[in-house]
C-alpha atoms as a PDB file:
ATOM      1  CA  MET A   1      -4.690  -3.818   4.534  1.00  0.00           C
ATOM      2  CA  LEU A   2      -7.172  -2.144   2.193  1.00  0.00           C
ATOM      3  CA  SER A   3      -8.260  -3.428  -1.187  1.00  0.00           C
ATOM      4  CA  VAL A   4     -10.760  -1.797  -3.534  1.00  0.00           C
ATOM      5  CA  SER A   5     -11.782  -3.747  -6.617  1.00  0.00           C
ATOM      6  CA  GLY A   6     -14.131  -2.931  -9.460  1.00  0.00           C
ATOM      7  CA  LEU A   7     -15.410   0.228  -7.769  1.00  0.00           C
ATOM      8  CA  THR A   8     -18.057   2.070  -9.785  1.00  0.00           C
ATOM      9  CA  LYS A   9     -19.796   5.373  -9.053  1.00  0.00           C
ATOM     10  CA  ASN A  10     -22.215   7.375 -11.182  1.00  0.00           C
ATOM     11  CA  PHE A  11     -23.949  10.681 -10.552  1.00  0.00           C
ATOM     12  CA  GLU A  12     -26.921  10.748 -12.955  1.00  0.00           C
ATOM     13  CA  ASP A  13     -25.236  10.665 -16.400  1.00  0.00           C
ATOM     14  CA  LEU A  14     -21.711  11.291 -15.033  1.00  0.00           C
ATOM     15  CA  THR A  15     -19.460   8.259 -14.530  1.00  0.00           C
ATOM     16  CA  VAL A  16     -16.867   9.202 -11.897  1.00  0.00           C
ATOM     17  CA  MET A  17     -15.211   5.780 -11.755  1.00  0.00           C
ATOM     18  CA  GLU A  18     -15.829   2.437 -13.393  1.00  0.00           C
ATOM     19  CA  GLY A  19     -13.970  -0.724 -12.407  1.00  0.00           C
ATOM     20  CA  PHE A  20     -11.531   1.185 -10.195  1.00  0.00           C
ATOM     21  CA  ASP A  21      -8.931  -0.885  -8.306  1.00  0.00           C
ATOM     22  CA  LEU A  22      -6.670   0.137  -5.428  1.00  0.00           C
ATOM     23  CA  THR A  23      -4.500  -1.669  -2.889  1.00  0.00           C
ATOM     24  CA  VAL A  24      -3.038   0.012   0.204  1.00  0.00           C
ATOM     25  CA  PRO A  25      -0.339  -1.971   2.072  1.00  0.00           C
ATOM     26  CA  ARG A  26      -0.196  -1.957   5.852  1.00  0.00           C
ATOM     27  CA  GLY A  27       2.221   0.595   7.256  1.00  0.00           C
ATOM     28  CA  GLY A  28       2.685   2.370   3.943  1.00  0.00           C
ATOM     29  CA  PHE A  29       2.179   5.960   2.827  1.00  0.00           C
ATOM     30  CA  THR A  30       0.213   5.922  -0.433  1.00  0.00           C
ATOM     31  CA  THR A  31      -0.648   9.155  -2.250  1.00  0.00           C
ATOM     32  CA  LEU A  32      -3.119   9.807  -5.040  1.00  0.00           C
ATOM     33  CA  ILE A  33      -2.484  12.698  -7.397  1.00  0.00           C
ATOM     34  CA  GLY A  34      -4.446  13.580 -10.486  1.00  0.00           C
ATOM     35  CA  PRO A  35      -6.312  16.278 -12.388  1.00  0.00           C
ATOM     36  CA  SER A  36      -8.814  18.360 -10.456  1.00  0.00           C
ATOM     37  CA  GLY A  37     -12.276  16.802 -10.482  1.00  0.00           C
ATOM     38  CA  CYS A  38     -11.106  13.324 -11.497  1.00  0.00           C
ATOM     39  CA  GLY A  39     -12.837  11.605  -8.570  1.00  0.00           C
ATOM     40  CA  LYS A  40     -10.222  11.408  -5.798  1.00  0.00           C
ATOM     41  CA  SER A  41     -12.387  13.008  -3.107  1.00  0.00           C
ATOM     42  CA  THR A  42     -15.391  10.984  -4.290  1.00  0.00           C
ATOM     43  CA  LEU A  43     -13.322   7.866  -3.607  1.00  0.00           C
ATOM     44  CA  PHE A  44     -12.782   9.028  -0.025  1.00  0.00           C
ATOM     45  CA  ASP A  45     -16.501   9.808   0.311  1.00  0.00           C
ATOM     46  CA  ILE A  46     -17.285   6.242  -0.763  1.00  0.00           C
ATOM     47  CA  LEU A  47     -14.668   4.753   1.570  1.00  0.00           C
ATOM     48  CA  THR A  48     -16.076   6.679   4.537  1.00  0.00           C
ATOM     49  CA  GLY A  49     -19.707   5.902   3.721  1.00  0.00           C
ATOM     50  CA  VAL A  50     -20.757   9.414   2.684  1.00  0.00           C
ATOM     51  CA  PHE A  51     -21.839   8.131  -0.752  1.00  0.00           C
ATOM     52  CA  PRO A  52     -22.911   4.578  -1.591  1.00  0.00           C
ATOM     53  CA  ARG A  53     -20.991   2.841  -4.347  1.00  0.00           C
ATOM     54  CA  ASP A  54     -22.802   1.581  -7.423  1.00  0.00           C
ATOM     55  CA  GLY A  55     -20.599  -1.461  -7.810  1.00  0.00           C
ATOM     56  CA  GLY A  56     -17.394  -3.113  -6.696  1.00  0.00           C
ATOM     57  CA  ARG A  57     -15.954  -4.290  -3.384  1.00  0.00           C
ATOM     58  CA  ILE A  58     -14.144  -2.782  -0.416  1.00  0.00           C
ATOM     59  CA  SER A  59     -12.017  -5.281   1.507  1.00  0.00           C
ATOM     60  CA  TRP A  60     -10.515  -4.518   4.923  1.00  0.00           C
ATOM     61  CA  LEU A  61      -7.962  -6.991   6.284  1.00  0.00           C
ATOM     62  CA  GLY A  62      -9.283  -9.605   3.849  1.00  0.00           C
ATOM     63  CA  GLU A  63     -12.974  -9.192   4.678  1.00  0.00           C
ATOM     64  CA  ASP A  64     -15.585  -7.375   2.603  1.00  0.00           C
ATOM     65  CA  VAL A  65     -17.011  -4.293   4.345  1.00  0.00           C
ATOM     66  CA  PRO A  66     -19.628  -1.696   3.321  1.00  0.00           C
ATOM     67  CA  ASP A  67     -17.254   1.170   4.162  1.00  0.00           C
ATOM     68  CA  LEU A  68     -14.412   2.167   6.493  1.00  0.00           C
ATOM     69  CA  MET A  69     -16.367   4.240   9.020  1.00  0.00           C
ATOM     70  CA  SER A  70     -15.170   2.021  11.873  1.00  0.00           C
ATOM     71  CA  ASN A  71     -11.645   1.548  10.605  1.00  0.00           C
ATOM     72  CA  ALA A  72     -10.306   4.869   9.316  1.00  0.00           C
ATOM     73  CA  ALA A  73      -9.711   8.381  10.648  1.00  0.00           C
ATOM     74  CA  TYR A  74     -10.367  11.146   8.130  1.00  0.00           C
ATOM     75  CA  MET A  75      -8.516  14.482   8.070  1.00  0.00           C
ATOM     76  CA  GLN A  76      -9.733  17.005   5.511  1.00  0.00           C
ATOM     77  CA  GLN A  77      -8.509  20.225   3.938  1.00  0.00           C
ATOM     78  CA  LYS A  78     -10.480  22.350   6.429  1.00  0.00           C
ATOM     79  CA  ASP A  79      -9.720  21.783  10.095  1.00  0.00           C
ATOM     80  CA  LEU A  80     -13.474  21.653  10.949  1.00  0.00           C
ATOM     81  CA  LEU A  81     -12.809  22.696  14.548  1.00  0.00           C
ATOM     82  CA  LEU A  82     -15.851  23.845  16.515  1.00  0.00           C
ATOM     83  CA  PRO A  83     -15.276  27.573  17.178  1.00  0.00           C
ATOM     84  CA  TRP A  84     -16.906  27.584  20.625  1.00  0.00           C
ATOM     85  CA  LEU A  85     -14.701  24.809  22.007  1.00  0.00           C
ATOM     86  CA  SER A  86     -11.090  25.066  23.144  1.00  0.00           C
ATOM     87  CA  LEU A  87      -8.418  23.264  21.145  1.00  0.00           C
ATOM     88  CA  ILE A  88      -8.161  20.487  23.710  1.00  0.00           C
ATOM     89  CA  ASP A  89     -11.939  19.965  23.779  1.00  0.00           C
ATOM     90  CA  ASN A  90     -12.001  19.836  19.987  1.00  0.00           C
ATOM     91  CA  ALA A  91      -9.308  17.171  20.098  1.00  0.00           C
ATOM     92  CA  LEU A  92     -11.275  15.203  22.689  1.00  0.00           C
ATOM     93  CA  LEU A  93     -14.459  14.968  20.607  1.00  0.00           C
ATOM     94  CA  PRO A  94     -13.674  11.473  19.168  1.00  0.00           C
ATOM     95  CA  ALA A  95     -13.092  10.092  22.662  1.00  0.00           C
ATOM     96  CA  LYS A  96     -16.293  11.681  23.965  1.00  0.00           C
ATOM     97  CA  ILE A  97     -18.325  10.296  21.081  1.00  0.00           C
ATOM     98  CA  ALA A  98     -16.856   6.839  21.688  1.00  0.00           C
ATOM     99  CA  GLY A  99     -17.529   7.063  25.429  1.00  0.00           C
ATOM    100  CA  ILE A 100     -13.875   6.601  26.349  1.00  0.00           C
ATOM    101  CA  ASP A 101     -12.731   7.567  29.864  1.00  0.00           C
ATOM    102  CA  GLU A 102     -12.282  11.343  29.848  1.00  0.00           C
ATOM    103  CA  ASN A 103      -9.322  11.520  32.238  1.00  0.00           C
ATOM    104  CA  ASN A 104      -7.239   9.053  30.253  1.00  0.00           C
ATOM    105  CA  SER A 105      -8.243  10.720  26.990  1.00  0.00           C
ATOM    106  CA  ARG A 106      -7.320  14.171  28.251  1.00  0.00           C
ATOM    107  CA  GLU A 107      -3.935  12.899  29.402  1.00  0.00           C
ATOM    108  CA  LYS A 108      -3.313  11.365  25.974  1.00  0.00           C
ATOM    109  CA  ALA A 109      -4.462  14.501  24.143  1.00  0.00           C
ATOM    110  CA  SER A 110      -2.217  16.701  26.310  1.00  0.00           C
ATOM    111  CA  ALA A 111       0.759  14.490  25.511  1.00  0.00           C
ATOM    112  CA  LEU A 112      -0.030  14.765  21.789  1.00  0.00           C
ATOM    113  CA  PHE A 113      -0.355  18.548  22.094  1.00  0.00           C
ATOM    114  CA  GLY A 114       3.146  18.645  23.501  1.00  0.00           C
ATOM    115  CA  ARG A 115       4.490  16.290  20.847  1.00  0.00           C
ATOM    116  CA  LEU A 116       2.985  18.335  18.002  1.00  0.00           C
ATOM    117  CA  GLY A 117       4.045  21.752  19.236  1.00  0.00           C
ATOM    118  CA  LEU A 118       0.800  22.897  20.888  1.00  0.00           C
ATOM    119  CA  HIS A 119       1.938  22.913  24.503  1.00  0.00           C
ATOM    120  CA  ASP A 120       0.288  25.747  26.498  1.00  0.00           C
ATOM    121  CA  PHE A 121      -2.335  26.318  23.771  1.00  0.00           C
ATOM    122  CA  GLU A 122      -4.843  23.737  25.017  1.00  0.00           C
ATOM    123  CA  LYS A 123      -7.332  26.322  26.325  1.00  0.00           C
ATOM    124  CA  TYR A 124      -7.231  28.637  23.301  1.00  0.00           C
ATOM    125  CA  ILE A 125     -10.250  28.731  20.980  1.00  0.00           C
ATOM    126  CA  PRO A 126      -9.573  28.182  17.253  1.00  0.00           C
ATOM    127  CA  GLN A 127     -10.002  31.860  16.284  1.00  0.00           C
ATOM    128  CA  LYS A 128      -7.084  32.835  18.532  1.00  0.00           C
ATOM    129  CA  VAL A 129      -4.451  30.645  16.867  1.00  0.00           C
ATOM    130  CA  SER A 130      -2.918  30.363  13.395  1.00  0.00           C
ATOM    131  CA  GLY A 131      -4.100  28.114  10.592  1.00  0.00           C
ATOM    132  CA  GLY A 132      -1.093  25.870  11.112  1.00  0.00           C
ATOM    133  CA  MET A 133      -1.916  25.439  14.790  1.00  0.00           C
ATOM    134  CA  ARG A 134      -5.524  24.621  13.961  1.00  0.00           C
ATOM    135  CA  GLN A 135      -4.324  21.905  11.574  1.00  0.00           C
ATOM    136  CA  ARG A 136      -2.034  20.551  14.293  1.00  0.00           C
ATOM    137  CA  CYS A 137      -5.073  20.335  16.547  1.00  0.00           C
ATOM    138  CA  ALA A 138      -6.985  18.568  13.776  1.00  0.00           C
ATOM    139  CA  LEU A 139      -4.077  16.124  13.546  1.00  0.00           C
ATOM    140  CA  VAL A 140      -4.298  15.451  17.293  1.00  0.00           C
ATOM    141  CA  ARG A 141      -8.041  14.857  16.898  1.00  0.00           C
ATOM    142  CA  THR A 142      -7.314  12.425  14.051  1.00  0.00           C
ATOM    143  CA  LEU A 143      -4.896  10.490  16.265  1.00  0.00           C
ATOM    144  CA  MET A 144      -7.471  10.355  19.049  1.00  0.00           C
ATOM    145  CA  PHE A 145      -9.657   8.116  16.856  1.00  0.00           C
ATOM    146  CA  GLU A 146      -7.003   5.409  17.305  1.00  0.00           C
ATOM    147  CA  HIS A 147      -7.664   3.905  13.874  1.00  0.00           C
ATOM    148  CA  GLU A 148      -4.792   2.265  12.043  1.00  0.00           C
ATOM    149  CA  LEU A 149      -5.702   3.786   8.669  1.00  0.00           C
ATOM    150  CA  VAL A 150      -5.648   7.574   8.182  1.00  0.00           C
ATOM    151  CA  LEU A 151      -7.253   9.234   5.150  1.00  0.00           C
ATOM    152  CA  LEU A 152      -5.779  12.652   4.353  1.00  0.00           C
ATOM    153  CA  ASP A 153      -7.626  14.827   1.810  1.00  0.00           C
ATOM    154  CA  GLU A 154      -5.285  17.733   1.009  1.00  0.00           C
ATOM    155  CA  PRO A 155      -4.797  18.487   4.719  1.00  0.00           C
ATOM    156  CA  LEU A 156      -2.149  21.174   4.154  1.00  0.00           C
ATOM    157  CA  SER A 157      -3.366  22.892   0.991  1.00  0.00           C
ATOM    158  CA  SER A 158      -4.757  25.977   2.758  1.00  0.00           C
ATOM    159  CA  LEU A 159      -1.482  26.768   4.552  1.00  0.00           C
ATOM    160  CA  ASP A 160       1.409  29.020   3.557  1.00  0.00           C
ATOM    161  CA  ALA A 161       4.554  27.368   2.189  1.00  0.00           C
ATOM    162  CA  ILE A 162       6.651  27.621   5.367  1.00  0.00           C
ATOM    163  CA  THR A 163       3.898  26.304   7.659  1.00  0.00           C
ATOM    164  CA  ARG A 164       3.097  23.604   5.150  1.00  0.00           C
ATOM    165  CA  ARG A 165       6.685  22.355   5.107  1.00  0.00           C
ATOM    166  CA  SER A 166       6.809  22.092   8.903  1.00  0.00           C
ATOM    167  CA  LEU A 167       3.538  20.154   8.989  1.00  0.00           C
ATOM    168  CA  GLN A 168       4.741  17.775   6.295  1.00  0.00           C
ATOM    169  CA  ALA A 169       7.295  16.583   8.841  1.00  0.00           C
ATOM    170  CA  LEU A 170       4.451  15.931  11.284  1.00  0.00           C
ATOM    171  CA  LEU A 171       2.579  13.870   8.696  1.00  0.00           C
ATOM    172  CA  LEU A 172       5.644  11.640   8.457  1.00  0.00           C
ATOM    173  CA  LEU A 173       5.316  11.058  12.215  1.00  0.00           C
ATOM    174  CA  LEU A 174       1.938   9.419  11.585  1.00  0.00           C
ATOM    175  CA  GLN A 175       3.790   6.633   9.834  1.00  0.00           C
ATOM    176  CA  SER A 176       7.123   6.490  11.652  1.00  0.00           C
ATOM    177  CA  GLU A 177       6.092   7.164  15.258  1.00  0.00           C
ATOM    178  CA  PHE A 178       2.367   6.392  15.451  1.00  0.00           C
ATOM    179  CA  ASN A 179       2.453   3.356  13.125  1.00  0.00           C
ATOM    180  CA  LYS A 180      -0.372   4.533  10.898  1.00  0.00           C
ATOM    181  CA  THR A 181      -1.136   3.439   7.369  1.00  0.00           C
ATOM    182  CA  ILE A 182      -1.805   6.525   5.270  1.00  0.00           C
ATOM    183  CA  LEU A 183      -3.793   7.160   2.108  1.00  0.00           C
ATOM    184  CA  MET A 184      -3.488  10.792   1.010  1.00  0.00           C
ATOM    185  CA  ILE A 185      -4.857  13.016  -1.735  1.00  0.00           C
ATOM    186  CA  THR A 186      -2.827  16.029  -2.841  1.00  0.00           C
ATOM    187  CA  HIS A 187      -2.395  18.316  -5.847  1.00  0.00           C
ATOM    188  CA  ASP A 188       1.162  19.120  -4.771  1.00  0.00           C
ATOM    189  CA  ILE A 189       3.549  16.833  -6.673  1.00  0.00           C
ATOM    190  CA  GLU A 190       6.558  17.804  -4.569  1.00  0.00           C
ATOM    191  CA  GLU A 191       4.658  17.091  -1.347  1.00  0.00           C
ATOM    192  CA  ALA A 192       3.667  13.673  -2.667  1.00  0.00           C
ATOM    193  CA  LEU A 193       7.261  12.834  -3.583  1.00  0.00           C
ATOM    194  CA  LEU A 194       8.645  13.953  -0.223  1.00  0.00           C
ATOM    195  CA  LEU A 195       6.165  11.949   1.844  1.00  0.00           C
ATOM    196  CA  SER A 196       5.049   8.886  -0.088  1.00  0.00           C
ATOM    197  CA  ASP A 197       6.194   5.301  -0.339  1.00  0.00           C
ATOM    198  CA  GLU A 198       3.930   4.870  -3.326  1.00  0.00           C
ATOM    199  CA  LEU A 199       2.621   7.554  -5.689  1.00  0.00           C
ATOM    200  CA  LEU A 200      -0.394   6.764  -7.851  1.00  0.00           C
ATOM    201  CA  VAL A 201      -1.171   9.092 -10.755  1.00  0.00           C
ATOM    202  CA  MET A 202      -4.874   9.178 -11.673  1.00  0.00           C
ATOM    203  CA  THR A 203      -6.547   9.650 -15.045  1.00  0.00           C
ATOM    204  CA  PRO A 204      -9.423  12.067 -15.687  1.00  0.00           C
ATOM    205  CA  MET A 205     -12.923  10.640 -15.169  1.00  0.00           C
ATOM    206  CA  PRO A 206     -13.755   7.848 -15.166  1.00  0.00           C
ATOM    207  CA  MET A 207     -10.837   7.625 -12.755  1.00  0.00           C
ATOM    208  CA  GLN A 208      -8.242   4.895 -13.085  1.00  0.00           C
ATOM    209  CA  VAL A 209      -4.635   4.503 -11.940  1.00  0.00           C
ATOM    210  CA  ARG A 210      -2.514   5.706 -14.863  1.00  0.00           C
ATOM    211  CA  GLU A 211       0.951   5.231 -13.342  1.00  0.00           C
ATOM    212  CA  ARG A 212       2.468   3.894 -10.150  1.00  0.00           C
ATOM    213  CA  PHE A 213       5.786   5.013  -8.678  1.00  0.00           C
ATOM    214  CA  VAL A 214       7.417   3.135  -5.795  1.00  0.00           C
ATOM    215  CA  LEU A 215       9.637   5.565  -3.862  1.00  0.00           C
ATOM    216  CA  GLU A 216      12.213   3.622  -1.888  1.00  0.00           C
ATOM    217  CA  MET A 217      14.630   6.426  -0.971  1.00  0.00           C
ATOM    218  CA  PRO A 218      14.818   7.100   2.801  1.00  0.00           C
ATOM    219  CA  LYS A 219      12.913   9.891   4.533  1.00  0.00           C
ATOM    220  CA  PRO A 220      13.152  12.771   5.146  1.00  0.00           C
ATOM    221  CA  ARG A 221      13.923  13.616   1.535  1.00  0.00           C
ATOM    222  CA  ARG A 222      15.234  16.662  -0.266  1.00  0.00           C
ATOM    223  CA  SER A 223      13.210  18.169  -3.096  1.00  0.00           C
ATOM    224  CA  SER A 224      16.493  18.586  -5.009  1.00  0.00           C
ATOM    225  CA  ASN A 225      16.971  14.812  -5.261  1.00  0.00           C
ATOM    226  CA  PRO A 226      17.605  14.152  -9.002  1.00  0.00           C
ATOM    227  CA  GLU A 227      15.383  11.062  -9.083  1.00  0.00           C
ATOM    228  CA  LEU A 228      12.491  12.942  -7.480  1.00  0.00           C
ATOM    229  CA  LEU A 229      12.966  15.877  -9.876  1.00  0.00           C
ATOM    230  CA  LYS A 230      12.751  13.508 -12.837  1.00  0.00           C
ATOM    231  CA  ILE A 231       9.510  11.968 -11.575  1.00  0.00           C
ATOM    232  CA  LYS A 232       8.100  15.410 -10.760  1.00  0.00           C
ATOM    233  CA  GLU A 233       8.752  16.662 -14.284  1.00  0.00           C
ATOM    234  CA  HIS A 234       7.154  13.562 -15.798  1.00  0.00           C
ATOM    235  CA  VAL A 235       4.015  13.714 -13.634  1.00  0.00           C
ATOM    236  CA  LEU A 236       3.671  17.453 -14.225  1.00  0.00           C
ATOM    237  CA  GLU A 237       3.782  16.897 -17.984  1.00  0.00           C
ATOM    238  CA  GLU A 238       1.070  14.242 -17.686  1.00  0.00           C
ATOM    239  CA  LEU A 239      -1.211  16.471 -15.608  1.00  0.00           C
ATOM    240  CA  GLU A 240      -0.629  19.481 -17.861  1.00  0.00           C
ATOM    241  CA  GLY A 241      -1.556  17.270 -20.812  1.00  0.00           C
ATOM    242  CA  ASP A 242      -4.842  16.376 -19.110  1.00  0.00           C
ATOM    243  CA  LEU A 243      -5.535  20.071 -18.525  1.00  0.00           C
ATOM    244  CA  ASN A 244      -4.808  20.975 -22.134  1.00  0.00           C
ATOM    245  CA  ASP A 245      -7.155  18.228 -23.328  1.00  0.00           C
ATOM    246  CA  THR A 246     -10.037  19.910 -21.486  1.00  0.00           C
ATOM    247  CA  ILE A 247      -9.408  23.379 -22.952  1.00  0.00           C
END
């Protein structure tokens, strides 16, 4: 579905990536993990058109495109809900911007609220609900874009462990129930192993793919799975090595 080849990005004298390649298969759940500051979020900024690239190609369904603004929904670490709007009106913003029929959109959003555990909270403003509920609303808003590709930039990192685990199950629904292709960034190795079909371990800048793990075991998974524990230990050693090299 998505192919990035030879991607290059510089900020003054800092080379974030040079000749970076990435392929994301349709229907898959691909996760990027790597040392902090290696360029993962910059990649998403380039894909969504926030920053121009200095070189390389972005191919969508076999055709070169400048960015993925028209093809991808983007869910970030912060929920970015507007505090003066109700949860349902926040979720409806993509439909309003696109000029889609409001009645049909509201019906769809209400159904998603029910599916994601927000029934009866549609009229609440963001300050009156928990962080987990705000992220659920942000997930509904992401689904309202109706794009096949979803970019997730550490969407659960600000949540407590229990809330995070429950929302991980909802992220799996993006793939299994809503037929989305997912590209996610996380610093949580266990989260990556529980959710991903493919785990890509990044190098420090200039960012490249250091290792690729194809995870074929069925979902949902248990963190105690011996194969996952072995991969987790290996990736952790690699990332700790990168950290020690910078000290």
